Every structure is written in structure tokens, then in C-alpha cells.
Amino acid sequence: MKNEFINFEKVSRQNWQQLYQKDSPLLTESELNSIKSLNDQISMQDVLDVYLPLINLIKIYKNAQENLTFSKSIFLQKTIKERPFIIGISGSVAVGKSTTSRLLKLLLTRTFKNSRVDMVTTDGFLYPNAILKEKDILNKKGFPESYNMELLLNFLDNIKSGHDVAIPVYSHETYDIVPNQMQTIKKPDFLIVEGINVFQNQQNNRLYMSDYFDFSIYIDADSQHIEKWYLERFYSLTEMAKKDEQNYYNRFTKMSFDELTTFAKEVWKNTNLFNLENYIEPTRNRAELILHKSKNHLIDEIYLKK
């Protein structure tokens, strides 16, 4: 085990899958396919071996949260109202965060019947492109300084306090915040917060987003695997944008395959890999659980904080 994982218990996939005894996957093959991100690989066996045991673990944390809230109310001699259970999910671009988030949302909805499960992505808290251009940091989109962290922290604080909150919406087609469009989150029982920056906070180093999480997951993989997945996704997005001139990726459709590959590799190296090595991966140990992926997105190792 690497020294950086000294505070984690390493669990093999074989041992992890034994932590869930039922055979029912809680969803169908078509439902699983519908929530996959582009080029992401996930099977029903992954659901049974990895994600259903994970739901059992989240149950333990959820019960602990409720017991702690009850004990605090007795200690303080006042009623503490129920708060949503917030799950943070982080990892590199193209590592499969969105697929994991959507799968957990579906499984939690099926497991905790009559509970409201919502999901948000921190993309909505990026500054609009016009502001990024004004700040001369459009080429650093996704870096810590490109997010409105004050707005993001206020959102989490209001959600944790039981308020309804409206937040901006981000479009991956236009690569920008959608003007005059908001997503309203209304007192969820569970909230999944997904993004590359969910363990970061560059503006207020006395408070981290992770302070608001009841459980947190980091999706990990070797960078050479992630680069391959990123390039595959870039090719697919460009192909899909051929007939849509409003799509951000349409501008790349005139490139030859070699030109496209050279450009995408430069973006990966100078932006995404730099961001991963300097800002994303260093926050990995703030997670409660690390899911490590090998080739073809196969989860081979699980690390649970001691």
C-alpha cells in the first residue's frame, strides 16, 4: 500500500462483493445503459460486486448521522431538525464521476423508498465564459480559480439548513452557463454533489466543501488510462457535434483525425492532467472511500478510511 493511503483500509473487489448478500441488482440492464456517460464501461456485475455493497455502507453512515443528530439534540436540550445526507463525488475529468453519481442516485431512490434524492454538478458554479475571459482565465476552466466558490459554499450551507435553493445550470453543448436558467433543489433527503473540485476550496481556506459531506467518494485511476478515456470521449463528442453548429465541439469537426488527436492530447496535458496532478488528486485523501479503476473502467481496488 502506498504511504499516502496509510489512513485507509484496502479491500479487494472479491472481499468487497461479499458485503452484499442479495442477488437483486435493483435496476435493469436497460436502466443501467441509460445512465452511462459516453464511452464509460459499467456492467450489471459491477453493480452487484461494487455498488450494492456501497449502498450498504452508506446505510451505516446514514444511521450514524441520524443517531448523532438525536444525541446532539439531547445534549443541547433542543430539537435539531433533520438535515439532508450529502454525498460528495470527485475525481479527474473523464474518470466516470457522472455515471457513478447517476447510478447511486437510482440505487438510493430504490433503497430508501419515499426519500427524495437529488444530484447536482459543480459545473453550474463555474463562472460564465464572459467572466472567465474578463479575468483572462478561460484557458484555466476547471481550475480552482474558475469556480464561484462563495456561491457553492452558500448553496451547501443553505441545503444543509433545510432551505430550497436555486442554482445555475451548465451546458456541455455550449460549454457555458445557460443564461436565465436555474435548477431548484427542494429539501432533499439525499443530495449527491459531483465535480472535480468537491474537496477543494481556494477562496476560504478555513472552510472546505467536504465539511458539509456526510459521505464522500473519490474515483481514482492511473493517468494514462484516464487520458485514453478522455481522448475517446473527445472523439465521440466531436462526432456527435457535426450537425450542430451551436455545439462547442462543432469547431473541431473540420480537423483531420491526426489534427484532432494532437489538439486533444495538448488539452489533456496542459489543462486536464495539470489540473489533476496539482489540484484534484492532492485532495483524494479527504474522501471516505476511494474506488480505483484499472483498464476498461474495471474497479479493482477499494480503499475505505479507517
C-alpha atoms as a PDB file:
ATOM      1  CA  MET A   1       0.000   0.000   0.000  1.00  0.00           C
ATOM      2  CA  LYS A   2       1.237   3.468  -0.810  1.00  0.00           C
ATOM      3  CA  ASN A   3       2.143   5.626   2.199  1.00  0.00           C
ATOM      4  CA  GLU A   4      -0.463   8.161   1.121  1.00  0.00           C
ATOM      5  CA  PHE A   5      -3.144   5.511   1.742  1.00  0.00           C
ATOM      6  CA  ILE A   6      -1.899   4.777   5.271  1.00  0.00           C
ATOM      7  CA  ASN A   7      -5.183   6.049   6.735  1.00  0.00           C
ATOM      8  CA  PHE A   8      -7.240   3.719   4.524  1.00  0.00           C
ATOM      9  CA  GLU A   9      -8.197   0.066   4.722  1.00  0.00           C
ATOM     10  CA  LYS A  10      -7.563  -1.640   1.383  1.00  0.00           C
ATOM     11  CA  VAL A  11     -10.324  -4.044   0.340  1.00  0.00           C
ATOM     12  CA  SER A  12     -10.107  -6.305  -2.685  1.00  0.00           C
ATOM     13  CA  ARG A  13     -13.073  -6.454  -5.034  1.00  0.00           C
ATOM     14  CA  GLN A  14     -13.520 -10.126  -4.112  1.00  0.00           C
ATOM     15  CA  ASN A  15     -13.880  -9.318  -0.406  1.00  0.00           C
ATOM     16  CA  TRP A  16     -15.943  -6.191  -1.035  1.00  0.00           C
ATOM     17  CA  GLN A  17     -18.585  -8.037  -3.075  1.00  0.00           C
ATOM     18  CA  GLN A  18     -19.278 -10.344  -0.116  1.00  0.00           C
ATOM     19  CA  LEU A  19     -20.644  -7.375   1.848  1.00  0.00           C
ATOM     20  CA  TYR A  20     -23.946  -7.593  -0.045  1.00  0.00           C
ATOM     21  CA  GLN A  21     -25.793 -10.904   0.027  1.00  0.00           C
ATOM     22  CA  LYS A  22     -28.885 -10.302  -2.120  1.00  0.00           C
ATOM     23  CA  ASP A  23     -28.930 -11.199  -5.799  1.00  0.00           C
ATOM     24  CA  SER A  24     -31.290  -8.432  -6.937  1.00  0.00           C
ATOM     25  CA  PRO A  25     -29.424  -5.570  -8.676  1.00  0.00           C
ATOM     26  CA  LEU A  26     -32.314  -3.080  -8.048  1.00  0.00           C
ATOM     27  CA  LEU A  27     -32.252  -1.947 -11.685  1.00  0.00           C
ATOM     28  CA  THR A  28     -32.488  -3.400 -15.181  1.00  0.00           C
ATOM     29  CA  GLU A  29     -29.824  -3.658 -17.864  1.00  0.00           C
ATOM     30  CA  SER A  30     -31.586  -1.003 -19.968  1.00  0.00           C
ATOM     31  CA  GLU A  31     -31.725   1.374 -16.989  1.00  0.00           C
ATOM     32  CA  LEU A  32     -28.012   0.860 -16.426  1.00  0.00           C
ATOM     33  CA  ASN A  33     -27.251   1.596 -20.085  1.00  0.00           C
ATOM     34  CA  SER A  34     -29.356   4.760 -19.965  1.00  0.00           C
ATOM     35  CA  ILE A  35     -27.246   6.324 -17.198  1.00  0.00           C
ATOM     36  CA  LYS A  36     -23.818   5.570 -18.670  1.00  0.00           C
ATOM     37  CA  SER A  37     -21.724   8.501 -19.768  1.00  0.00           C
ATOM     38  CA  LEU A  38     -20.026   8.489 -23.172  1.00  0.00           C
ATOM     39  CA  ASN A  39     -17.579   5.580 -23.529  1.00  0.00           C
ATOM     40  CA  ASP A  40     -17.941   4.670 -19.851  1.00  0.00           C
ATOM     41  CA  GLN A  41     -17.885   0.944 -19.156  1.00  0.00           C
ATOM     42  CA  ILE A  42     -20.040  -0.425 -16.365  1.00  0.00           C
ATOM     43  CA  SER A  43     -21.796  -3.776 -16.108  1.00  0.00           C
ATOM     44  CA  MET A  44     -24.515  -5.349 -14.034  1.00  0.00           C
ATOM     45  CA  GLN A  45     -21.743  -7.354 -12.365  1.00  0.00           C
ATOM     46  CA  ASP A  46     -20.174  -4.049 -11.257  1.00  0.00           C
ATOM     47  CA  VAL A  47     -23.495  -3.082  -9.690  1.00  0.00           C
ATOM     48  CA  LEU A  48     -23.664  -6.357  -7.760  1.00  0.00           C
ATOM     49  CA  ASP A  49     -19.985  -6.518  -6.781  1.00  0.00           C
ATOM     50  CA  VAL A  50     -19.231  -2.864  -6.015  1.00  0.00           C
ATOM     51  CA  TYR A  51     -22.203  -0.537  -5.854  1.00  0.00           C
ATOM     52  CA  LEU A  52     -24.706  -2.561  -3.840  1.00  0.00           C
ATOM     53  CA  PRO A  53     -22.146  -3.139  -1.038  1.00  0.00           C
ATOM     54  CA  LEU A  54     -21.502   0.620  -1.248  1.00  0.00           C
ATOM     55  CA  ILE A  55     -25.212   1.283  -0.674  1.00  0.00           C
ATOM     56  CA  ASN A  56     -24.996  -0.910   2.446  1.00  0.00           C
ATOM     57  CA  LEU A  57     -22.079   1.197   3.667  1.00  0.00           C
ATOM     58  CA  ILE A  58     -23.993   4.423   3.025  1.00  0.00           C
ATOM     59  CA  LYS A  59     -26.830   2.984   5.131  1.00  0.00           C
ATOM     60  CA  ILE A  60     -24.379   2.639   8.036  1.00  0.00           C
ATOM     61  CA  TYR A  61     -23.245   6.257   7.657  1.00  0.00           C
ATOM     62  CA  LYS A  62     -26.853   7.429   7.334  1.00  0.00           C
ATOM     63  CA  ASN A  63     -27.841   5.658  10.571  1.00  0.00           C
ATOM     64  CA  ALA A  64     -24.791   7.121  12.302  1.00  0.00           C
ATOM     65  CA  GLN A  65     -25.756  10.617  11.122  1.00  0.00           C
ATOM     66  CA  GLU A  66     -29.291  10.211  12.483  1.00  0.00           C
ATOM     67  CA  ASN A  67     -28.036   8.821  15.814  1.00  0.00           C
ATOM     68  CA  LEU A  68     -25.558  11.681  16.195  1.00  0.00           C
ATOM     69  CA  THR A  69     -28.233  14.279  15.453  1.00  0.00           C
ATOM     70  CA  PHE A  70     -30.510  12.685  18.064  1.00  0.00           C
ATOM     71  CA  SER A  71     -27.724  12.576  20.669  1.00  0.00           C
ATOM     72  CA  LYS A  72     -26.786  16.195  19.981  1.00  0.00           C
ATOM     73  CA  SER A  73     -30.393  17.285  20.479  1.00  0.00           C
ATOM     74  CA  ILE A  74     -30.419  15.600  23.895  1.00  0.00           C
ATOM     75  CA  PHE A  75     -27.080  17.133  24.829  1.00  0.00           C
ATOM     76  CA  LEU A  76     -28.096  20.634  23.726  1.00  0.00           C
ATOM     77  CA  GLN A  77     -31.615  20.172  25.101  1.00  0.00           C
ATOM     78  CA  LYS A  78     -33.184  21.433  21.910  1.00  0.00           C
ATOM     79  CA  THR A  79     -34.677  19.967  18.765  1.00  0.00           C
ATOM     80  CA  ILE A  80     -32.305  19.718  15.823  1.00  0.00           C
ATOM     81  CA  LYS A  81     -34.248  19.386  12.597  1.00  0.00           C
ATOM     82  CA  GLU A  82     -33.348  16.647  10.152  1.00  0.00           C
ATOM     83  CA  ARG A  83     -30.749  17.533   7.569  1.00  0.00           C
ATOM     84  CA  PRO A  84     -30.119  16.064   4.133  1.00  0.00           C
ATOM     85  CA  PHE A  85     -27.438  13.392   3.786  1.00  0.00           C
ATOM     86  CA  ILE A  86     -24.890  14.869   1.380  1.00  0.00           C
ATOM     87  CA  ILE A  87     -22.537  12.714  -0.697  1.00  0.00           C
ATOM     88  CA  GLY A  88     -19.556  14.274  -2.488  1.00  0.00           C
ATOM     89  CA  ILE A  89     -18.058  12.554  -5.543  1.00  0.00           C
ATOM     90  CA  SER A  90     -14.739  13.703  -7.017  1.00  0.00           C
ATOM     91  CA  GLY A  91     -12.067  12.576  -9.470  1.00  0.00           C
ATOM     92  CA  SER A  92     -10.486  13.554 -12.764  1.00  0.00           C
ATOM     93  CA  VAL A  93     -12.227  14.630 -15.928  1.00  0.00           C
ATOM     94  CA  ALA A  94     -13.359  11.507 -17.881  1.00  0.00           C
ATOM     95  CA  VAL A  95     -12.888   9.103 -14.952  1.00  0.00           C
ATOM     96  CA  GLY A  96     -16.595   8.253 -14.674  1.00  0.00           C
ATOM     97  CA  LYS A  97     -17.914  10.518 -11.901  1.00  0.00           C
ATOM     98  CA  SER A  98     -21.203  11.265 -13.664  1.00  0.00           C
ATOM     99  CA  THR A  99     -22.023   7.596 -14.266  1.00  0.00           C
ATOM    100  CA  THR A 100     -21.272   6.753 -10.635  1.00  0.00           C
ATOM    101  CA  SER A 101     -23.410   9.683  -9.453  1.00  0.00           C
ATOM    102  CA  ARG A 102     -26.409   8.754 -11.591  1.00  0.00           C
ATOM    103  CA  LEU A 103     -26.137   5.107 -10.581  1.00  0.00           C
ATOM    104  CA  LEU A 104     -26.007   5.982  -6.879  1.00  0.00           C
ATOM    105  CA  LYS A 105     -28.998   8.294  -7.305  1.00  0.00           C
ATOM    106  CA  LEU A 106     -31.041   5.472  -8.811  1.00  0.00           C
ATOM    107  CA  LEU A 107     -29.918   2.886  -6.240  1.00  0.00           C
ATOM    108  CA  LEU A 108     -30.575   5.231  -3.302  1.00  0.00           C
ATOM    109  CA  THR A 109     -34.046   6.011  -4.661  1.00  0.00           C
ATOM    110  CA  ARG A 110     -34.812   2.270  -4.873  1.00  0.00           C
ATOM    111  CA  THR A 111     -33.283   1.508  -1.459  1.00  0.00           C
ATOM    112  CA  PHE A 112     -34.688   4.405   0.565  1.00  0.00           C
ATOM    113  CA  LYS A 113     -38.244   4.390  -0.706  1.00  0.00           C
ATOM    114  CA  ASN A 114     -40.221   7.633  -0.251  1.00  0.00           C
ATOM    115  CA  SER A 115     -36.935   9.547   0.025  1.00  0.00           C
ATOM    116  CA  ARG A 116     -36.097  12.441  -2.282  1.00  0.00           C
ATOM    117  CA  VAL A 117     -32.679  12.008  -3.925  1.00  0.00           C
ATOM    118  CA  ASP A 118     -31.250  14.940  -5.909  1.00  0.00           C
ATOM    119  CA  MET A 119     -27.984  15.384  -7.772  1.00  0.00           C
ATOM    120  CA  VAL A 120     -26.040  18.491  -8.744  1.00  0.00           C
ATOM    121  CA  THR A 121     -22.771  19.021 -10.567  1.00  0.00           C
ATOM    122  CA  THR A 122     -20.337  21.752  -9.594  1.00  0.00           C
ATOM    123  CA  ASP A 123     -20.105  22.736 -13.291  1.00  0.00           C
ATOM    124  CA  GLY A 124     -23.048  25.021 -12.558  1.00  0.00           C
ATOM    125  CA  PHE A 125     -20.808  27.040 -10.238  1.00  0.00           C
ATOM    126  CA  LEU A 126     -18.208  27.811 -12.885  1.00  0.00           C
ATOM    127  CA  TYR A 127     -18.049  31.487 -13.749  1.00  0.00           C
ATOM    128  CA  PRO A 128     -19.706  32.211 -17.143  1.00  0.00           C
ATOM    129  CA  ASN A 129     -17.286  32.287 -20.060  1.00  0.00           C
ATOM    130  CA  ALA A 130     -17.649  36.078 -20.339  1.00  0.00           C
ATOM    131  CA  ILE A 131     -16.329  36.491 -16.789  1.00  0.00           C
ATOM    132  CA  LEU A 132     -13.557  33.937 -17.355  1.00  0.00           C
ATOM    133  CA  LYS A 133     -12.485  35.932 -20.440  1.00  0.00           C
ATOM    134  CA  GLU A 134     -12.620  39.139 -18.440  1.00  0.00           C
ATOM    135  CA  LYS A 135     -10.403  37.559 -15.778  1.00  0.00           C
ATOM    136  CA  ASP A 136      -8.165  36.148 -18.549  1.00  0.00           C
ATOM    137  CA  ILE A 137      -8.553  32.591 -17.214  1.00  0.00           C
ATOM    138  CA  LEU A 138     -10.742  30.947 -19.866  1.00  0.00           C
ATOM    139  CA  ASN A 139      -7.829  28.585 -20.581  1.00  0.00           C
ATOM    140  CA  LYS A 140      -7.939  27.592 -16.895  1.00  0.00           C
ATOM    141  CA  LYS A 141     -11.555  26.477 -16.911  1.00  0.00           C
ATOM    142  CA  GLY A 142     -11.924  23.762 -14.269  1.00  0.00           C
ATOM    143  CA  PHE A 143      -9.009  25.113 -12.218  1.00  0.00           C
ATOM    144  CA  PRO A 144      -9.908  26.274  -8.668  1.00  0.00           C
ATOM    145  CA  GLU A 145     -10.000  29.971  -9.598  1.00  0.00           C
ATOM    146  CA  SER A 146     -12.626  29.358 -12.308  1.00  0.00           C
ATOM    147  CA  TYR A 147     -15.339  28.469  -9.763  1.00  0.00           C
ATOM    148  CA  ASN A 148     -17.533  30.807  -7.744  1.00  0.00           C
ATOM    149  CA  MET A 149     -16.728  29.013  -4.506  1.00  0.00           C
ATOM    150  CA  GLU A 150     -18.610  31.510  -2.339  1.00  0.00           C
ATOM    151  CA  LEU A 151     -21.812  30.719  -4.231  1.00  0.00           C
ATOM    152  CA  LEU A 152     -21.099  26.981  -3.970  1.00  0.00           C
ATOM    153  CA  LEU A 153     -20.448  27.100  -0.224  1.00  0.00           C
ATOM    154  CA  ASN A 154     -23.577  29.206   0.333  1.00  0.00           C
ATOM    155  CA  PHE A 155     -25.566  26.631  -1.623  1.00  0.00           C
ATOM    156  CA  LEU A 156     -24.303  23.776   0.563  1.00  0.00           C
ATOM    157  CA  ASP A 157     -24.908  25.759   3.736  1.00  0.00           C
ATOM    158  CA  ASN A 158     -28.492  26.587   2.748  1.00  0.00           C
ATOM    159  CA  ILE A 159     -29.193  22.981   1.714  1.00  0.00           C
ATOM    160  CA  LYS A 160     -27.763  21.676   4.998  1.00  0.00           C
ATOM    161  CA  SER A 161     -30.016  24.164   6.828  1.00  0.00           C
ATOM    162  CA  GLY A 162     -33.099  22.788   5.092  1.00  0.00           C
ATOM    163  CA  HIS A 163     -33.796  25.585   2.600  1.00  0.00           C
ATOM    164  CA  ASP A 164     -34.850  25.397  -1.051  1.00  0.00           C
ATOM    165  CA  VAL A 165     -32.070  26.709  -3.281  1.00  0.00           C
ATOM    166  CA  ALA A 166     -31.923  27.731  -6.962  1.00  0.00           C
ATOM    167  CA  ILE A 167     -28.561  27.253  -8.679  1.00  0.00           C
ATOM    168  CA  PRO A 168     -27.143  27.972 -12.176  1.00  0.00           C
ATOM    169  CA  VAL A 169     -27.263  25.373 -14.965  1.00  0.00           C
ATOM    170  CA  TYR A 170     -24.254  24.463 -17.116  1.00  0.00           C
ATOM    171  CA  SER A 171     -24.444  23.191 -20.698  1.00  0.00           C
ATOM    172  CA  HIS A 172     -21.756  20.861 -22.056  1.00  0.00           C
ATOM    173  CA  GLU A 173     -23.095  21.552 -25.561  1.00  0.00           C
ATOM    174  CA  THR A 174     -22.389  25.280 -25.397  1.00  0.00           C
ATOM    175  CA  TYR A 175     -19.563  24.891 -22.859  1.00  0.00           C
ATOM    176  CA  ASP A 176     -21.033  27.692 -20.749  1.00  0.00           C
ATOM    177  CA  ILE A 177     -23.547  28.635 -18.057  1.00  0.00           C
ATOM    178  CA  VAL A 178     -27.076  28.734 -19.524  1.00  0.00           C
ATOM    179  CA  PRO A 179     -28.443  32.312 -19.258  1.00  0.00           C
ATOM    180  CA  ASN A 180     -31.657  32.788 -17.252  1.00  0.00           C
ATOM    181  CA  GLN A 181     -31.980  29.115 -16.359  1.00  0.00           C
ATOM    182  CA  MET A 182     -31.852  27.752 -12.818  1.00  0.00           C
ATOM    183  CA  GLN A 183     -32.141  24.341 -11.155  1.00  0.00           C
ATOM    184  CA  THR A 184     -34.111  24.349  -7.894  1.00  0.00           C
ATOM    185  CA  ILE A 185     -33.191  21.878  -5.164  1.00  0.00           C
ATOM    186  CA  LYS A 186     -36.068  21.388  -2.703  1.00  0.00           C
ATOM    187  CA  LYS A 187     -35.192  19.888   0.687  1.00  0.00           C
ATOM    188  CA  PRO A 188     -33.783  16.539  -0.479  1.00  0.00           C
ATOM    189  CA  ASP A 189     -33.273  13.590   1.852  1.00  0.00           C
ATOM    190  CA  PHE A 190     -30.107  12.782  -0.097  1.00  0.00           C
ATOM    191  CA  LEU A 191     -28.024  15.128  -2.217  1.00  0.00           C
ATOM    192  CA  ILE A 192     -25.193  13.940  -4.475  1.00  0.00           C
ATOM    193  CA  VAL A 193     -22.670  16.677  -5.310  1.00  0.00           C
ATOM    194  CA  GLU A 194     -20.402  15.684  -8.212  1.00  0.00           C
ATOM    195  CA  GLY A 195     -17.410  17.549  -9.584  1.00  0.00           C
ATOM    196  CA  ILE A 196     -13.648  17.668  -9.949  1.00  0.00           C
ATOM    197  CA  ASN A 197     -13.422  20.296  -7.196  1.00  0.00           C
ATOM    198  CA  VAL A 198     -15.669  18.920  -4.434  1.00  0.00           C
ATOM    199  CA  PHE A 199     -12.788  18.550  -1.965  1.00  0.00           C
ATOM    200  CA  GLN A 200     -11.237  21.937  -2.826  1.00  0.00           C
ATOM    201  CA  ASN A 201     -11.641  25.473  -1.600  1.00  0.00           C
ATOM    202  CA  GLN A 202      -9.239  28.078  -2.856  1.00  0.00           C
ATOM    203  CA  GLN A 203     -11.032  31.183  -1.572  1.00  0.00           C
ATOM    204  CA  ASN A 204     -11.648  30.390   2.080  1.00  0.00           C
ATOM    205  CA  ASN A 205      -9.015  28.026   3.444  1.00  0.00           C
ATOM    206  CA  ARG A 206     -10.773  27.815   6.816  1.00  0.00           C
ATOM    207  CA  LEU A 207     -13.760  26.049   5.293  1.00  0.00           C
ATOM    208  CA  TYR A 208     -13.894  23.173   2.816  1.00  0.00           C
ATOM    209  CA  MET A 209     -16.791  21.832   0.821  1.00  0.00           C
ATOM    210  CA  SER A 210     -16.071  18.457   2.404  1.00  0.00           C
ATOM    211  CA  ASP A 211     -17.124  19.935   5.769  1.00  0.00           C
ATOM    212  CA  TYR A 212     -20.695  19.600   4.506  1.00  0.00           C
ATOM    213  CA  PHE A 213     -20.423  15.993   3.317  1.00  0.00           C
ATOM    214  CA  ASP A 214     -21.754  13.034   5.293  1.00  0.00           C
ATOM    215  CA  PHE A 215     -20.021  10.638   2.913  1.00  0.00           C
ATOM    216  CA  SER A 216     -17.566  11.160   0.081  1.00  0.00           C
ATOM    217  CA  ILE A 217     -16.086   9.169  -2.790  1.00  0.00           C
ATOM    218  CA  TYR A 218     -13.022   9.682  -4.977  1.00  0.00           C
ATOM    219  CA  ILE A 219     -12.906   7.868  -8.327  1.00  0.00           C
ATOM    220  CA  ASP A 220      -9.254   7.029  -8.960  1.00  0.00           C
ATOM    221  CA  ALA A 221      -7.290   5.648 -11.911  1.00  0.00           C
ATOM    222  CA  ASP A 222      -3.810   5.841 -13.411  1.00  0.00           C
ATOM    223  CA  SER A 223      -3.450   8.963 -15.541  1.00  0.00           C
ATOM    224  CA  GLN A 224      -2.562   7.041 -18.706  1.00  0.00           C
ATOM    225  CA  HIS A 225      -5.900   5.217 -18.511  1.00  0.00           C
ATOM    226  CA  ILE A 226      -7.767   8.475 -17.928  1.00  0.00           C
ATOM    227  CA  GLU A 227      -6.016  10.085 -20.908  1.00  0.00           C
ATOM    228  CA  LYS A 228      -7.230   7.231 -23.123  1.00  0.00           C
ATOM    229  CA  TRP A 229     -10.797   7.642 -21.835  1.00  0.00           C
ATOM    230  CA  TYR A 230     -10.584  11.413 -22.316  1.00  0.00           C
ATOM    231  CA  LEU A 231      -9.458  11.050 -25.939  1.00  0.00           C
ATOM    232  CA  GLU A 232     -12.216   8.520 -26.666  1.00  0.00           C
ATOM    233  CA  ARG A 233     -14.783  10.915 -25.228  1.00  0.00           C
ATOM    234  CA  PHE A 234     -13.354  13.847 -27.189  1.00  0.00           C
ATOM    235  CA  TYR A 235     -13.674  11.889 -30.446  1.00  0.00           C
ATOM    236  CA  SER A 236     -17.266  10.905 -29.628  1.00  0.00           C
ATOM    237  CA  LEU A 237     -18.321  14.435 -28.673  1.00  0.00           C
ATOM    238  CA  THR A 238     -16.807  15.825 -31.856  1.00  0.00           C
ATOM    239  CA  GLU A 239     -18.567  13.214 -33.988  1.00  0.00           C
ATOM    240  CA  MET A 240     -21.900  13.976 -32.322  1.00  0.00           C
ATOM    241  CA  ALA A 241     -21.467  17.727 -32.927  1.00  0.00           C
ATOM    242  CA  LYS A 242     -21.099  17.513 -36.725  1.00  0.00           C
ATOM    243  CA  LYS A 243     -24.670  18.634 -37.471  1.00  0.00           C
ATOM    244  CA  ASP A 244     -24.997  21.143 -34.633  1.00  0.00           C
ATOM    245  CA  GLU A 245     -23.206  24.428 -35.260  1.00  0.00           C
ATOM    246  CA  GLN A 246     -24.192  25.691 -31.804  1.00  0.00           C
ATOM    247  CA  ASN A 247     -22.341  22.834 -30.135  1.00  0.00           C
ATOM    248  CA  TYR A 248     -18.937  23.757 -28.701  1.00  0.00           C
ATOM    249  CA  TYR A 249     -17.331  20.682 -30.284  1.00  0.00           C
ATOM    250  CA  ASN A 250     -18.572  21.558 -33.784  1.00  0.00           C
ATOM    251  CA  ARG A 251     -15.480  23.762 -34.282  1.00  0.00           C
ATOM    252  CA  PHE A 252     -13.284  20.646 -34.189  1.00  0.00           C
ATOM    253  CA  THR A 253     -15.200  18.718 -36.860  1.00  0.00           C
ATOM    254  CA  LYS A 254     -13.157  20.258 -39.689  1.00  0.00           C
ATOM    255  CA  MET A 255      -9.918  18.823 -38.307  1.00  0.00           C
ATOM    256  CA  SER A 256      -8.371  15.627 -39.613  1.00  0.00           C
ATOM    257  CA  PHE A 257      -8.147  12.737 -37.156  1.00  0.00           C
ATOM    258  CA  ASP A 258      -4.430  13.382 -36.614  1.00  0.00           C
ATOM    259  CA  GLU A 259      -5.020  17.105 -36.024  1.00  0.00           C
ATOM    260  CA  LEU A 260      -7.839  16.325 -33.623  1.00  0.00           C
ATOM    261  CA  THR A 261      -5.674  13.844 -31.718  1.00  0.00           C
ATOM    262  CA  THR A 262      -2.778  16.301 -31.450  1.00  0.00           C
ATOM    263  CA  PHE A 263      -5.107  19.050 -30.222  1.00  0.00           C
ATOM    264  CA  ALA A 264      -6.917  16.801 -27.700  1.00  0.00           C
ATOM    265  CA  LYS A 265      -3.608  15.485 -26.313  1.00  0.00           C
ATOM    266  CA  GLU A 266      -2.393  19.064 -25.815  1.00  0.00           C
ATOM    267  CA  VAL A 267      -5.587  19.955 -23.952  1.00  0.00           C
ATOM    268  CA  TRP A 268      -5.214  16.846 -21.820  1.00  0.00           C
ATOM    269  CA  LYS A 269      -1.574  17.544 -20.980  1.00  0.00           C
ATOM    270  CA  ASN A 270      -1.729  21.301 -20.405  1.00  0.00           C
ATOM    271  CA  THR A 271      -5.132  21.553 -18.772  1.00  0.00           C
ATOM    272  CA  ASN A 272      -6.659  18.324 -17.508  1.00  0.00           C
ATOM    273  CA  LEU A 273      -3.516  16.454 -16.452  1.00  0.00           C
ATOM    274  CA  PHE A 274      -2.055  19.596 -14.871  1.00  0.00           C
ATOM    275  CA  ASN A 275      -5.332  20.149 -13.007  1.00  0.00           C
ATOM    276  CA  LEU A 276      -5.424  16.509 -11.900  1.00  0.00           C
ATOM    277  CA  GLU A 277      -1.859  16.408 -10.594  1.00  0.00           C
ATOM    278  CA  ASN A 278      -1.868  19.817  -8.917  1.00  0.00           C
ATOM    279  CA  TYR A 279      -5.409  20.349  -7.638  1.00  0.00           C
ATOM    280  CA  ILE A 280      -7.624  17.247  -7.872  1.00  0.00           C
ATOM    281  CA  GLU A 281      -5.510  14.250  -6.842  1.00  0.00           C
ATOM    282  CA  PRO A 282      -3.914  16.043  -3.839  1.00  0.00           C
ATOM    283  CA  THR A 283      -7.413  16.217  -2.283  1.00  0.00           C
ATOM    284  CA  ARG A 284      -8.026  12.463  -2.703  1.00  0.00           C
ATOM    285  CA  ASN A 285      -7.408  11.597   0.948  1.00  0.00           C
ATOM    286  CA  ARG A 286     -10.283  13.808   2.062  1.00  0.00           C
ATOM    287  CA  ALA A 287     -12.648  11.140   0.731  1.00  0.00           C
ATOM    288  CA  GLU A 288     -14.166   8.451   2.923  1.00  0.00           C
ATOM    289  CA  LEU A 289     -13.931   5.926   0.089  1.00  0.00           C
ATOM    290  CA  ILE A 290     -11.618   5.604  -2.917  1.00  0.00           C
ATOM    291  CA  LEU A 291     -12.730   3.470  -5.862  1.00  0.00           C
ATOM    292  CA  HIS A 292      -9.723   2.617  -8.005  1.00  0.00           C
ATOM    293  CA  LYS A 293     -10.278   1.755 -11.654  1.00  0.00           C
ATOM    294  CA  SER A 294      -7.983  -0.295 -13.846  1.00  0.00           C
ATOM    295  CA  LYS A 295      -8.101  -0.731 -17.616  1.00  0.00           C
ATOM    296  CA  ASN A 296     -11.593  -0.606 -19.195  1.00  0.00           C
ATOM    297  CA  HIS A 297     -13.029   1.176 -16.141  1.00  0.00           C
ATOM    298  CA  LEU A 298     -12.963  -2.010 -14.053  1.00  0.00           C
ATOM    299  CA  ILE A 299     -12.933  -1.233 -10.314  1.00  0.00           C
ATOM    300  CA  ASP A 300     -10.194  -3.470  -8.896  1.00  0.00           C
ATOM    301  CA  GLU A 301      -9.419  -1.934  -5.506  1.00  0.00           C
ATOM    302  CA  ILE A 302     -11.428  -0.148  -2.819  1.00  0.00           C
ATOM    303  CA  TYR A 303      -9.932   1.973  -0.047  1.00  0.00           C
ATOM    304  CA  LEU A 304     -12.093   2.777   2.994  1.00  0.00           C
ATOM    305  CA  LYS A 305     -10.920   5.361   5.515  1.00  0.00           C
ATOM    306  CA  LYS A 306     -10.040   3.741   8.822  1.00  0.00           C
END
